[in-house]
Amino acid sequence: MNFNPGFVDPDAKSELFKVGVKEFILKPYSRGEILTKVRELLDLRIEQTYKKANGVLA
């Protein structure tokens, strides 16, 4: 997750996704938005871990 103060150059954003950034949160952001994004990322990681442990292909 990347917290950003404003505009993100599309090329830079593309490079960040390539190295593993999953989400961008731009200002102004709220506590609720942050919590929602963190929950989504945790749920995704749990799902990926479950699939890997059970031999399920994505």
Protein backbone atom coordinates (compact mmCIF):
# COMPACT_ATOMS: atom_id res chain seq x y z
CA MET A 1 0.00 0.00 0.00
CA ASN A 2 1.26 3.44 -0.87
CA PHE A 3 0.07 6.66 0.76
CA ASN A 4 0.52 9.52 -1.65
CA PRO A 5 0.08 13.25 -1.17
CA GLY A 6 -1.42 13.83 -4.59
CA PHE A 7 -0.70 13.19 -8.25
CA VAL A 8 1.15 10.01 -9.15
CA ASP A 9 2.97 9.90 -12.47
CA PRO A 10 1.45 7.02 -14.50
CA ASP A 11 4.90 5.60 -15.35
CA ALA A 12 5.97 5.69 -11.71
CA LYS A 13 2.68 4.10 -10.67
CA SER A 14 3.19 1.32 -13.21
CA GLU A 15 6.68 0.63 -11.87
CA LEU A 16 5.40 0.53 -8.30
CA PHE A 17 2.76 -2.05 -9.25
CA LYS A 18 5.51 -4.15 -10.86
CA VAL A 19 7.43 -4.26 -7.57
CA GLY A 20 4.40 -5.25 -5.51
CA VAL A 21 2.42 -2.17 -4.53
CA LYS A 22 -1.23 -3.28 -4.46
CA GLU A 23 -3.07 -0.07 -3.59
CA PHE A 24 -2.64 3.67 -3.68
CA ILE A 25 -4.41 5.95 -1.26
CA LEU A 26 -4.37 9.59 -2.26
CA LYS A 27 -4.94 12.57 0.04
CA PRO A 28 -7.29 13.46 1.46
CA TYR A 29 -7.92 10.04 2.95
CA SER A 30 -10.04 9.01 5.88
CA ARG A 31 -9.44 6.50 8.64
CA GLY A 32 -12.30 4.43 7.23
CA GLU A 33 -10.74 4.34 3.78
CA ILE A 34 -7.41 3.21 5.21
CA LEU A 35 -9.04 0.50 7.31
CA THR A 36 -11.08 -0.72 4.34
CA LYS A 37 -8.01 -0.97 2.09
CA VAL A 38 -5.98 -2.76 4.78
CA ARG A 39 -8.84 -5.23 5.31
CA GLU A 40 -9.08 -5.87 1.56
CA LEU A 41 -5.35 -6.52 1.30
CA LEU A 42 -5.38 -8.83 4.33
CA ASP A 43 -8.34 -10.76 2.91
CA LEU A 44 -6.55 -11.10 -0.42
CA ARG A 45 -3.40 -12.41 1.29
CA ILE A 46 -5.46 -14.92 3.32
CA GLU A 47 -7.19 -16.14 0.16
CA GLN A 48 -3.88 -16.50 -1.70
CA THR A 49 -2.31 -18.37 1.22
CA TYR A 50 -5.31 -20.72 1.45
CA LYS A 51 -5.23 -21.46 -2.28
CA LYS A 52 -1.50 -22.10 -2.23
CA ALA A 53 -1.76 -24.40 0.80
CA ASN A 54 -4.60 -26.36 -0.81
CA GLY A 55 -3.20 -26.57 -4.32
CA VAL A 56 -5.91 -24.42 -5.82
CA LEU A 57 -4.92 -22.66 -9.02
CA ALA A 58 -5.83 -18.99 -9.31
